[in-house]
């Protein structure tokens, strides 16, 4: 059985589930999911810059509507549960948790706890962070001792 740690920032869509569950063909995969709740002010600014870079000005203006604090945690818990149910419905074992501390520390801990074979980082494009190699996947490559695959989500958050 192959174990993948899947790091996400929003609920998986059906296209995302199909994407990650077919990466290894017919081999059985167990997914351990980490979800980072949104809502920090710095994240909001970076998302707005990404929206402007993509020409999505309406989305940039709506970034201030992103839930923060406890509301973001509640939204994150629902997104995690939806994602786990979708992976299970696709015939895979899936467990997960919200990221409580620094995302890369949580990732390293989960990889060690589960003996994971790989990490899959599935997010929307974050052009500013990616340009400076400050995105999760780039930074994770220096923190975990397994391959890190970076994939883009099939829908905008």
C-alpha atoms as a PDB file:
ATOM      1  CA  UNK A   1       0.000   0.000   0.000  1.00  0.00           C
ATOM      2  CA  UNK A   2       1.299   3.423  -1.017  1.00  0.00           C
ATOM      3  CA  UNK A   3       0.870   6.348   1.397  1.00  0.00           C
ATOM      4  CA  UNK A   4       0.502   9.913   0.132  1.00  0.00           C
ATOM      5  CA  UNK A   5       0.316  12.986   2.325  1.00  0.00           C
ATOM      6  CA  UNK A   6      -1.992  15.394   0.517  1.00  0.00           C
ATOM      7  CA  UNK A   7      -1.622  19.040   1.526  1.00  0.00           C
ATOM      8  CA  UNK A   8      -4.589  21.189   0.463  1.00  0.00           C
ATOM      9  CA  UNK A   9      -6.060  24.618   1.149  1.00  0.00           C
ATOM     10  CA  UNK A  10      -9.717  24.025   0.232  1.00  0.00           C
ATOM     11  CA  UNK A  11     -12.191  21.213  -0.352  1.00  0.00           C
ATOM     12  CA  UNK A  12     -11.273  18.833  -3.148  1.00  0.00           C
ATOM     13  CA  UNK A  13     -13.448  18.946  -6.251  1.00  0.00           C
ATOM     14  CA  UNK A  14     -14.437  15.760  -8.060  1.00  0.00           C
ATOM     15  CA  UNK A  15     -11.825  16.622 -10.713  1.00  0.00           C
ATOM     16  CA  UNK A  16      -9.165  16.969  -7.985  1.00  0.00           C
ATOM     17  CA  UNK A  17     -10.138  13.594  -6.511  1.00  0.00           C
ATOM     18  CA  UNK A  18      -9.936  11.945  -9.934  1.00  0.00           C
ATOM     19  CA  UNK A  19      -6.573  13.619 -10.517  1.00  0.00           C
ATOM     20  CA  UNK A  20      -4.869  12.489  -7.294  1.00  0.00           C
ATOM     21  CA  UNK A  21      -6.443   9.039  -7.131  1.00  0.00           C
ATOM     22  CA  UNK A  22      -5.265   8.066 -10.609  1.00  0.00           C
ATOM     23  CA  UNK A  23      -1.631   9.116 -10.221  1.00  0.00           C
ATOM     24  CA  UNK A  24      -0.528   5.606  -9.273  1.00  0.00           C
ATOM     25  CA  UNK A  25      -2.720   3.575 -11.600  1.00  0.00           C
ATOM     26  CA  UNK A  26      -4.240   0.528  -9.931  1.00  0.00           C
ATOM     27  CA  UNK A  27      -1.922   0.587  -6.913  1.00  0.00           C
ATOM     28  CA  UNK A  28      -3.759   1.045  -3.614  1.00  0.00           C
ATOM     29  CA  UNK A  29      -3.169   4.455  -2.044  1.00  0.00           C
ATOM     30  CA  UNK A  30      -3.833   5.637   1.486  1.00  0.00           C
ATOM     31  CA  UNK A  31      -4.267   9.394   1.756  1.00  0.00           C
ATOM     32  CA  UNK A  32      -3.333  11.436   4.812  1.00  0.00           C
ATOM     33  CA  UNK A  33      -4.752  14.901   4.274  1.00  0.00           C
ATOM     34  CA  UNK A  34      -3.583  18.179   5.793  1.00  0.00           C
ATOM     35  CA  UNK A  35      -5.733  21.268   5.277  1.00  0.00           C
ATOM     36  CA  UNK A  36      -4.562  24.792   6.060  1.00  0.00           C
ATOM     37  CA  UNK A  37      -7.524  26.977   7.101  1.00  0.00           C
ATOM     38  CA  UNK A  38      -7.486  30.356   5.436  1.00  0.00           C
ATOM     39  CA  UNK A  39      -7.920  33.726   7.002  1.00  0.00           C
ATOM     40  CA  UNK A  40      -4.595  35.353   7.782  1.00  0.00           C
ATOM     41  CA  UNK A  41      -4.170  38.958   6.641  1.00  0.00           C
ATOM     42  CA  UNK A  42      -0.873  38.240   4.828  1.00  0.00           C
ATOM     43  CA  UNK A  43      -2.489  35.358   2.934  1.00  0.00           C
ATOM     44  CA  UNK A  44      -5.306  37.656   1.875  1.00  0.00           C
ATOM     45  CA  UNK A  45      -2.855  40.172   0.378  1.00  0.00           C
ATOM     46  CA  UNK A  46      -0.943  37.492  -1.538  1.00  0.00           C
ATOM     47  CA  UNK A  47      -4.186  36.011  -2.889  1.00  0.00           C
ATOM     48  CA  UNK A  48      -5.314  39.473  -4.029  1.00  0.00           C
ATOM     49  CA  UNK A  49      -1.984  39.995  -5.833  1.00  0.00           C
ATOM     50  CA  UNK A  50      -2.384  36.594  -7.518  1.00  0.00           C
ATOM     51  CA  UNK A  51      -5.915  37.574  -8.603  1.00  0.00           C
ATOM     52  CA  UNK A  52      -4.631  40.839 -10.103  1.00  0.00           C
ATOM     53  CA  UNK A  53      -1.822  38.968 -11.903  1.00  0.00           C
ATOM     54  CA  UNK A  54      -4.450  36.672 -13.433  1.00  0.00           C
ATOM     55  CA  UNK A  55      -6.625  39.610 -14.452  1.00  0.00           C
ATOM     56  CA  UNK A  56      -9.343  38.586 -11.998  1.00  0.00           C
ATOM     57  CA  UNK A  57      -9.937  41.998 -10.469  1.00  0.00           C
ATOM     58  CA  UNK A  58     -13.372  41.105  -9.095  1.00  0.00           C
ATOM     59  CA  UNK A  59     -11.832  38.236  -7.130  1.00  0.00           C
ATOM     60  CA  UNK A  60      -9.107  40.542  -5.776  1.00  0.00           C
ATOM     61  CA  UNK A  61     -11.746  42.912  -4.390  1.00  0.00           C
ATOM     62  CA  UNK A  62     -13.655  40.041  -2.754  1.00  0.00           C
ATOM     63  CA  UNK A  63     -10.594  38.765  -0.850  1.00  0.00           C
ATOM     64  CA  UNK A  64     -11.623  40.900   2.127  1.00  0.00           C
ATOM     65  CA  UNK A  65     -14.683  38.650   2.471  1.00  0.00           C
ATOM     66  CA  UNK A  66     -12.498  35.625   3.293  1.00  0.00           C
ATOM     67  CA  UNK A  67     -13.404  34.250   6.738  1.00  0.00           C
ATOM     68  CA  UNK A  68     -10.872  34.740   9.526  1.00  0.00           C
ATOM     69  CA  UNK A  69     -10.222  33.222  12.919  1.00  0.00           C
ATOM     70  CA  UNK A  70     -12.771  30.741  14.253  1.00  0.00           C
ATOM     71  CA  UNK A  71     -14.989  31.176  11.186  1.00  0.00           C
ATOM     72  CA  UNK A  72     -12.048  30.147   8.961  1.00  0.00           C
ATOM     73  CA  UNK A  73     -11.490  27.106  11.161  1.00  0.00           C
ATOM     74  CA  UNK A  74     -15.133  26.047  10.835  1.00  0.00           C
ATOM     75  CA  UNK A  75     -14.994  26.425   7.044  1.00  0.00           C
ATOM     76  CA  UNK A  76     -11.716  24.458   7.054  1.00  0.00           C
ATOM     77  CA  UNK A  77     -13.223  21.608   9.088  1.00  0.00           C
ATOM     78  CA  UNK A  78     -16.103  21.294   6.614  1.00  0.00           C
ATOM     79  CA  UNK A  79     -13.715  21.383   3.637  1.00  0.00           C
ATOM     80  CA  UNK A  80     -11.568  18.665   5.219  1.00  0.00           C
ATOM     81  CA  UNK A  81     -14.562  16.409   5.871  1.00  0.00           C
ATOM     82  CA  UNK A  82     -15.883  16.862   2.314  1.00  0.00           C
ATOM     83  CA  UNK A  83     -12.427  16.010   0.937  1.00  0.00           C
ATOM     84  CA  UNK A  84     -12.037  12.906   3.101  1.00  0.00           C
ATOM     85  CA  UNK A  85     -15.504  11.654   2.131  1.00  0.00           C
ATOM     86  CA  UNK A  86     -14.740  12.189  -1.564  1.00  0.00           C
ATOM     87  CA  UNK A  87     -11.472  10.226  -1.340  1.00  0.00           C
ATOM     88  CA  UNK A  88     -13.222   7.408   0.532  1.00  0.00           C
ATOM     89  CA  UNK A  89     -16.046   7.355  -2.020  1.00  0.00           C
ATOM     90  CA  UNK A  90     -13.367   6.868  -4.684  1.00  0.00           C
ATOM     91  CA  UNK A  91     -12.319   3.683  -2.863  1.00  0.00           C
ATOM     92  CA  UNK A  92      -9.320   4.932  -0.889  1.00  0.00           C
ATOM     93  CA  UNK A  93      -8.469   5.054   2.773  1.00  0.00           C
ATOM     94  CA  UNK A  94      -8.340   8.704   3.870  1.00  0.00           C
ATOM     95  CA  UNK A  95      -7.733  10.401   7.195  1.00  0.00           C
ATOM     96  CA  UNK A  96      -6.769  13.957   7.896  1.00  0.00           C
ATOM     97  CA  UNK A  97      -6.565  16.951  10.139  1.00  0.00           C
ATOM     98  CA  UNK A  98      -6.414  20.713  10.082  1.00  0.00           C
ATOM     99  CA  UNK A  99      -3.020  22.313  10.346  1.00  0.00           C
ATOM    100  CA  UNK A 100      -2.750  23.760  13.847  1.00  0.00           C
ATOM    101  CA  UNK A 101       0.853  24.960  13.785  1.00  0.00           C
ATOM    102  CA  UNK A 102       3.269  25.941  11.029  1.00  0.00           C
ATOM    103  CA  UNK A 103       2.247  24.131   7.815  1.00  0.00           C
ATOM    104  CA  UNK A 104       5.693  22.722   7.074  1.00  0.00           C
ATOM    105  CA  UNK A 105       6.165  21.474  10.636  1.00  0.00           C
ATOM    106  CA  UNK A 106       2.769  19.754  10.420  1.00  0.00           C
ATOM    107  CA  UNK A 107       3.754  18.248   7.084  1.00  0.00           C
ATOM    108  CA  UNK A 108       7.075  16.927   8.358  1.00  0.00           C
ATOM    109  CA  UNK A 109       5.359  15.442  11.416  1.00  0.00           C
ATOM    110  CA  UNK A 110       2.696  13.694   9.349  1.00  0.00           C
ATOM    111  CA  UNK A 111       5.263  12.279   6.907  1.00  0.00           C
ATOM    112  CA  UNK A 112       7.240  10.838   9.823  1.00  0.00           C
ATOM    113  CA  UNK A 113       4.170   9.528  11.694  1.00  0.00           C
ATOM    114  CA  UNK A 114       2.726   7.769   8.667  1.00  0.00           C
ATOM    115  CA  UNK A 115       5.896   6.627   6.921  1.00  0.00           C
ATOM    116  CA  UNK A 116       4.589   8.388   3.809  1.00  0.00           C
ATOM    117  CA  UNK A 117       6.026   7.579   0.399  1.00  0.00           C
ATOM    118  CA  UNK A 118       5.347  11.015  -1.092  1.00  0.00           C
ATOM    119  CA  UNK A 119       3.829  14.437  -0.527  1.00  0.00           C
ATOM    120  CA  UNK A 120       1.323  15.951  -2.933  1.00  0.00           C
ATOM    121  CA  UNK A 121       0.740  19.696  -2.596  1.00  0.00           C
ATOM    122  CA  UNK A 122      -2.516  20.580  -4.344  1.00  0.00           C
ATOM    123  CA  UNK A 123      -3.320  24.304  -4.360  1.00  0.00           C
ATOM    124  CA  UNK A 124      -4.424  27.136  -6.563  1.00  0.00           C
ATOM    125  CA  UNK A 125      -1.533  28.911  -8.314  1.00  0.00           C
ATOM    126  CA  UNK A 126       0.228  31.381  -6.034  1.00  0.00           C
ATOM    127  CA  UNK A 127       2.414  33.281  -8.451  1.00  0.00           C
ATOM    128  CA  UNK A 128       4.159  35.620  -6.014  1.00  0.00           C
ATOM    129  CA  UNK A 129       5.129  32.808  -3.646  1.00  0.00           C
ATOM    130  CA  UNK A 130       6.090  30.486  -6.503  1.00  0.00           C
ATOM    131  CA  UNK A 131       8.269  33.122  -8.156  1.00  0.00           C
ATOM    132  CA  UNK A 132      10.299  33.452  -4.962  1.00  0.00           C
ATOM    133  CA  UNK A 133      10.123  29.681  -4.228  1.00  0.00           C
ATOM    134  CA  UNK A 134       8.257  30.395  -0.992  1.00  0.00           C
ATOM    135  CA  UNK A 135       5.262  28.193  -1.858  1.00  0.00           C
ATOM    136  CA  UNK A 136       4.562  25.055   0.184  1.00  0.00           C
ATOM    137  CA  UNK A 137       5.927  22.603  -2.372  1.00  0.00           C
ATOM    138  CA  UNK A 138       9.229  24.423  -2.878  1.00  0.00           C
ATOM    139  CA  UNK A 139       9.776  24.788   0.851  1.00  0.00           C
ATOM    140  CA  UNK A 140       8.601  21.239   1.633  1.00  0.00           C
ATOM    141  CA  UNK A 141      11.324  19.770  -0.576  1.00  0.00           C
ATOM    142  CA  UNK A 142      13.820  20.959   2.036  1.00  0.00           C
ATOM    143  CA  UNK A 143      11.807  19.700   5.027  1.00  0.00           C
ATOM    144  CA  UNK A 144      10.719  16.170   4.156  1.00  0.00           C
ATOM    145  CA  UNK A 145      12.742  13.219   2.972  1.00  0.00           C
ATOM    146  CA  UNK A 146      10.262  11.967   0.376  1.00  0.00           C
ATOM    147  CA  UNK A 147       9.395  13.191  -3.133  1.00  0.00           C
ATOM    148  CA  UNK A 148       7.159  16.274  -3.286  1.00  0.00           C
ATOM    149  CA  UNK A 149       4.754  16.652  -6.192  1.00  0.00           C
ATOM    150  CA  UNK A 150       3.170  20.034  -6.841  1.00  0.00           C
ATOM    151  CA  UNK A 151      -0.222  20.057  -8.568  1.00  0.00           C
ATOM    152  CA  UNK A 152      -2.709  22.814  -9.293  1.00  0.00           C
ATOM    153  CA  UNK A 153      -6.311  22.482  -8.223  1.00  0.00           C
ATOM    154  CA  UNK A 154      -8.939  22.232 -10.936  1.00  0.00           C
ATOM    155  CA  UNK A 155     -11.030  25.095  -9.625  1.00  0.00           C
ATOM    156  CA  UNK A 156     -10.515  28.519  -8.125  1.00  0.00           C
ATOM    157  CA  UNK A 157     -11.227  28.831  -4.383  1.00  0.00           C
END
